[in-house]
């Protein structure tokens, strides 16, 4: 991944914790908005660059593991040399291409925010609505 892992910023550092500590419509909207430009560290299979789908102990199904920092990635036990930085939009495309995946697990060995397909589609509808009509408040 290079030397930039220690200064990596996913783009959801401020809004993700608010989902857990102070959930409100405005905080949820901020998180959804931040996701659109977010980038995540994802484990890959060696030089093949294939994304590894993670099955965490509390998940019954396969989710793409997406990490907000190198320290979150380290909790997975994945070798940091076998990771890539991938945009949220690319992760959504991977979900569309692979129906065996159920969603995206952000920091699955830490705070664990899980976005399933329905939640991702709902977030897209919210953003579409806002872009058409503006903010509701």
Protein backbone atom coordinates (compact mmCIF):
# COMPACT_ATOMS: atom_id res chain seq x y z
CA UNK A 1 0.00 0.00 0.00
CA UNK A 2 2.88 2.36 0.35
CA UNK A 3 3.92 4.70 3.11
CA UNK A 4 0.73 6.76 3.18
CA UNK A 5 -1.24 4.34 5.39
CA UNK A 6 -0.34 6.14 8.59
CA UNK A 7 -1.82 9.40 7.29
CA UNK A 8 -4.73 7.77 5.48
CA UNK A 9 -8.11 9.39 5.98
CA UNK A 10 -11.19 7.51 4.81
CA UNK A 11 -13.48 10.53 4.82
CA UNK A 12 -15.92 9.24 7.44
CA UNK A 13 -13.78 9.81 10.54
CA UNK A 14 -16.08 12.52 11.91
CA UNK A 15 -19.48 11.24 10.82
CA UNK A 16 -19.14 7.50 11.55
CA UNK A 17 -18.85 7.87 15.36
CA UNK A 18 -21.93 10.13 15.36
CA UNK A 19 -24.01 7.26 13.99
CA UNK A 20 -23.30 5.38 17.23
CA UNK A 21 -23.23 8.20 19.78
CA UNK A 22 -25.77 10.76 18.57
CA UNK A 23 -27.94 9.33 15.83
CA UNK A 24 -30.12 12.04 14.32
CA UNK A 25 -31.39 12.77 10.81
CA UNK A 26 -28.68 15.40 10.27
CA UNK A 27 -25.88 13.08 11.49
CA UNK A 28 -27.18 10.25 9.31
CA UNK A 29 -27.31 12.60 6.33
CA UNK A 30 -23.74 13.72 7.01
CA UNK A 31 -22.57 10.09 7.13
CA UNK A 32 -24.39 9.21 3.90
CA UNK A 33 -22.93 12.27 2.22
CA UNK A 34 -19.40 11.52 3.49
CA UNK A 35 -19.67 7.97 2.17
CA UNK A 36 -19.96 9.20 -1.40
CA UNK A 37 -16.37 10.46 -1.42
CA UNK A 38 -14.97 8.04 1.17
CA UNK A 39 -12.07 5.71 0.56
CA UNK A 40 -11.34 2.59 2.57
CA UNK A 41 -8.47 0.18 3.10
CA UNK A 42 -9.52 -3.28 1.94
CA UNK A 43 -7.63 -6.59 2.19
CA UNK A 44 -6.61 -8.07 -1.15
CA UNK A 45 -5.27 -11.44 -2.25
CA UNK A 46 -1.60 -10.84 -2.91
CA UNK A 47 -0.64 -9.54 -6.33
CA UNK A 48 -3.96 -10.56 -7.90
CA UNK A 49 -5.51 -7.41 -6.38
CA UNK A 50 -8.74 -9.36 -5.77
CA UNK A 51 -10.73 -7.94 -2.87
CA UNK A 52 -11.15 -10.37 0.02
CA UNK A 53 -14.71 -10.71 1.31
CA UNK A 54 -14.72 -11.04 5.08
CA UNK A 55 -16.98 -13.19 7.15
CA UNK A 56 -16.70 -11.79 10.65
CA UNK A 57 -17.73 -13.93 13.60
CA UNK A 58 -21.06 -12.14 14.06
CA UNK A 59 -21.99 -12.25 10.38
CA UNK A 60 -23.77 -15.14 8.74
CA UNK A 61 -23.00 -13.84 5.26
CA UNK A 62 -20.10 -12.44 3.27
CA UNK A 63 -19.47 -8.71 3.46
CA UNK A 64 -16.68 -6.66 1.95
CA UNK A 65 -14.44 -5.63 4.83
CA UNK A 66 -13.63 -1.92 4.55
CA UNK A 67 -11.34 -0.28 7.08
CA UNK A 68 -11.10 3.41 7.97
CA UNK A 69 -7.48 3.25 9.13
CA UNK A 70 -4.41 1.07 9.29
CA UNK A 71 -5.06 0.41 12.98
CA UNK A 72 -8.56 -0.91 12.15
CA UNK A 73 -7.09 -3.12 9.42
CA UNK A 74 -4.55 -4.50 11.91
CA UNK A 75 -7.41 -5.77 14.10
CA UNK A 76 -8.36 -8.13 11.26
CA UNK A 77 -4.97 -9.82 11.25
CA UNK A 78 -4.60 -9.10 7.51
CA UNK A 79 -1.11 -8.32 6.32
CA UNK A 80 -0.91 -4.58 5.64
CA UNK A 81 1.21 -5.24 2.55
CA UNK A 82 -1.81 -6.94 0.99
CA UNK A 83 -4.30 -4.12 1.09
CA UNK A 84 -5.52 -1.46 -1.29
CA UNK A 85 -7.29 1.87 -0.99
CA UNK A 86 -10.70 1.67 -2.68
CA UNK A 87 -13.48 4.24 -3.01
CA UNK A 88 -16.94 3.64 -1.60
CA UNK A 89 -18.33 3.95 -5.11
CA UNK A 90 -16.02 1.12 -6.26
CA UNK A 91 -17.17 -1.02 -3.33
CA UNK A 92 -20.79 -0.43 -4.37
CA UNK A 93 -19.91 -1.55 -7.90
CA UNK A 94 -18.30 -4.71 -6.52
CA UNK A 95 -21.55 -5.46 -4.69
CA UNK A 96 -23.51 -4.99 -7.90
CA UNK A 97 -21.14 -7.37 -9.70
CA UNK A 98 -21.15 -10.11 -7.05
CA UNK A 99 -24.56 -11.13 -5.74
CA UNK A 100 -22.97 -13.49 -3.20
CA UNK A 101 -21.89 -10.45 -1.18
CA UNK A 102 -24.43 -9.03 1.26
CA UNK A 103 -22.96 -5.59 1.83
CA UNK A 104 -20.07 -3.62 3.23
CA UNK A 105 -18.75 -3.99 6.79
CA UNK A 106 -16.92 -0.85 7.88
CA UNK A 107 -14.34 -1.59 10.58
CA UNK A 108 -15.79 -5.08 11.19
CA UNK A 109 -13.40 -5.83 14.05
CA UNK A 110 -13.91 -2.46 15.75
CA UNK A 111 -16.99 -0.22 15.90
CA UNK A 112 -18.58 -2.31 13.12
CA UNK A 113 -20.96 -0.39 10.89
CA UNK A 114 -22.64 -2.80 8.50
CA UNK A 115 -24.33 -1.57 5.35
CA UNK A 116 -26.43 -4.19 3.63
CA UNK A 117 -27.73 -3.84 0.08
CA UNK A 118 -31.08 -2.38 1.21
CA UNK A 119 -29.40 0.25 3.37
CA UNK A 120 -27.07 1.24 0.54
CA UNK A 121 -30.02 1.56 -1.84
CA UNK A 122 -31.90 3.64 0.75
CA UNK A 123 -28.91 5.94 1.14
CA UNK A 124 -28.76 6.36 -2.63
CA UNK A 125 -32.47 7.24 -2.73
CA UNK A 126 -32.02 9.81 0.04
CA UNK A 127 -29.16 11.46 -1.83
CA UNK A 128 -31.11 11.42 -5.07
CA UNK A 129 -34.09 13.04 -3.35
CA UNK A 130 -31.88 15.74 -1.82
CA UNK A 131 -30.15 16.49 -5.10
CA UNK A 132 -33.55 16.91 -6.78
CA UNK A 133 -35.32 18.89 -4.04
CA UNK A 134 -32.67 20.20 -1.68
CA UNK A 135 -32.32 19.64 2.04
CA UNK A 136 -35.62 19.17 3.90
CA UNK A 137 -34.65 21.63 6.65
